[in-house]
């Protein structure tokens, strides 16, 4: 899975609205507006 907005911490920012998000990959979005992409590197691609 690509994480195009993933940062070095392995989290992808997304906007959550009423349990849904603005990104399909963010369907498991947490209340803080991030999903965890643990294998994601700083370029936003899986290592």
N, C-alpha and C. Protein backbone atom coordinates (compact mmCIF):
# COMPACT_ATOMS: atom_id res chain seq x y z
N UNK A 1 0.84 -1.20 0.00
CA UNK A 1 0.00 0.00 0.00
C UNK A 1 0.87 1.23 0.00
N UNK A 2 0.58 2.17 -0.87
CA UNK A 2 1.28 3.44 -0.85
C UNK A 2 0.72 4.33 0.25
N UNK A 3 1.60 5.11 0.86
CA UNK A 3 1.19 6.08 1.86
C UNK A 3 1.70 7.44 1.40
N UNK A 4 1.08 8.06 0.41
CA UNK A 4 1.67 9.21 -0.28
C UNK A 4 1.94 10.41 0.61
N UNK A 5 1.22 10.53 1.72
CA UNK A 5 1.42 11.68 2.58
C UNK A 5 2.15 11.29 3.86
N UNK A 6 2.75 10.09 3.86
CA UNK A 6 3.39 9.58 5.07
C UNK A 6 4.62 10.39 5.41
N UNK A 7 4.82 10.68 6.71
CA UNK A 7 6.02 11.39 7.13
C UNK A 7 6.99 10.42 7.78
N UNK A 8 8.11 10.92 8.24
CA UNK A 8 9.16 10.06 8.77
C UNK A 8 8.75 9.25 9.99
N UNK A 9 7.72 9.71 10.69
CA UNK A 9 7.27 9.00 11.88
C UNK A 9 6.39 7.81 11.52
N UNK A 10 6.09 7.63 10.24
CA UNK A 10 5.27 6.51 9.81
C UNK A 10 3.79 6.76 10.00
N UNK A 11 3.39 8.03 10.02
CA UNK A 11 1.97 8.35 10.14
C UNK A 11 1.53 9.13 8.91
N UNK A 12 0.32 8.86 8.47
CA UNK A 12 -0.25 9.55 7.32
C UNK A 12 -1.36 10.48 7.80
N UNK A 13 -1.24 11.79 7.56
CA UNK A 13 -2.30 12.70 7.99
C UNK A 13 -3.55 12.54 7.14
N UNK A 14 -4.70 12.67 7.77
CA UNK A 14 -5.95 12.61 7.03
C UNK A 14 -7.01 13.37 7.82
N UNK A 15 -8.08 13.73 7.15
CA UNK A 15 -9.16 14.44 7.79
C UNK A 15 -10.30 13.47 8.06
N UNK A 16 -10.74 13.43 9.31
CA UNK A 16 -11.84 12.53 9.69
C UNK A 16 -13.11 13.35 9.86
N UNK A 17 -14.17 12.87 9.23
CA UNK A 17 -15.46 13.54 9.37
C UNK A 17 -16.52 12.48 9.64
N UNK A 18 -17.05 12.48 10.84
CA UNK A 18 -18.13 11.55 11.17
C UNK A 18 -17.77 10.10 10.97
N UNK A 19 -16.52 9.75 11.28
CA UNK A 19 -16.09 8.37 11.14
C UNK A 19 -15.56 8.04 9.76
N UNK A 20 -15.71 8.98 8.82
CA UNK A 20 -15.17 8.78 7.48
C UNK A 20 -14.02 9.76 7.26
N UNK A 21 -13.25 9.54 6.23
CA UNK A 21 -12.11 10.41 5.99
C UNK A 21 -12.08 10.85 4.54
N UNK A 22 -11.15 11.79 4.25
CA UNK A 22 -11.03 12.33 2.91
C UNK A 22 -10.12 11.48 2.03
N UNK A 23 -9.56 10.40 2.58
CA UNK A 23 -8.68 9.52 1.82
C UNK A 23 -9.15 8.09 1.99
N UNK A 24 -9.22 7.33 0.92
CA UNK A 24 -9.64 5.95 1.01
C UNK A 24 -8.76 5.13 1.94
N UNK A 25 -7.45 5.46 1.95
CA UNK A 25 -6.51 4.73 2.80
C UNK A 25 -6.71 5.05 4.26
N UNK A 26 -7.49 6.09 4.56
CA UNK A 26 -7.67 6.53 5.94
C UNK A 26 -8.95 5.97 6.55
N UNK A 27 -9.44 4.87 6.05
CA UNK A 27 -10.70 4.34 6.58
C UNK A 27 -10.54 3.89 8.03
N UNK A 28 -9.30 3.67 8.47
CA UNK A 28 -9.05 3.32 9.87
C UNK A 28 -8.51 4.51 10.64
N UNK A 29 -8.88 5.71 10.20
CA UNK A 29 -8.35 6.94 10.79
C UNK A 29 -8.70 7.04 12.27
N UNK A 30 -7.70 7.46 13.06
CA UNK A 30 -7.89 7.66 14.48
C UNK A 30 -8.39 9.08 14.72
N UNK A 31 -8.85 9.36 15.92
CA UNK A 31 -9.41 10.66 16.23
C UNK A 31 -8.42 11.80 16.11
N UNK A 32 -7.11 11.49 16.19
CA UNK A 32 -6.12 12.55 16.08
C UNK A 32 -5.81 12.89 14.64
N UNK A 33 -6.46 12.23 13.70
CA UNK A 33 -6.29 12.56 12.30
C UNK A 33 -5.09 11.91 11.64
N UNK A 34 -4.64 10.79 12.18
CA UNK A 34 -3.54 10.08 11.56
C UNK A 34 -3.86 8.59 11.47
N UNK A 35 -3.34 7.95 10.40
CA UNK A 35 -3.30 6.50 10.39
C UNK A 35 -1.84 6.09 10.43
N UNK A 36 -1.56 4.94 11.01
CA UNK A 36 -0.19 4.49 11.15
C UNK A 36 0.21 3.65 9.94
N UNK A 37 1.33 4.00 9.34
CA UNK A 37 1.91 3.23 8.23
C UNK A 37 3.30 2.79 8.67
N UNK A 38 3.41 1.72 9.46
CA UNK A 38 4.67 1.40 10.13
C UNK A 38 5.82 1.09 9.19
N UNK A 39 5.54 0.64 7.97
CA UNK A 39 6.63 0.30 7.05
C UNK A 39 6.93 1.44 6.08
N UNK A 40 6.31 2.57 6.32
CA UNK A 40 6.46 3.69 5.40
C UNK A 40 7.75 4.45 5.70
N UNK A 41 8.49 4.81 4.66
CA UNK A 41 9.70 5.60 4.89
C UNK A 41 9.43 7.08 4.60
N UNK A 42 10.44 7.91 4.71
CA UNK A 42 10.25 9.35 4.57
C UNK A 42 9.76 9.79 3.20
N UNK A 43 9.92 8.95 2.18
CA UNK A 43 9.48 9.31 0.84
C UNK A 43 8.00 9.05 0.64
N UNK A 44 7.37 8.39 1.61
CA UNK A 44 5.96 8.07 1.47
C UNK A 44 5.70 6.77 0.77
N UNK A 45 6.75 5.97 0.54
CA UNK A 45 6.58 4.67 -0.09
C UNK A 45 6.96 3.58 0.89
N UNK A 46 6.39 2.41 0.71
CA UNK A 46 6.74 1.29 1.57
C UNK A 46 8.20 0.90 1.35
N UNK A 47 8.89 0.59 2.43
CA UNK A 47 10.28 0.17 2.33
C UNK A 47 10.38 -1.26 1.81
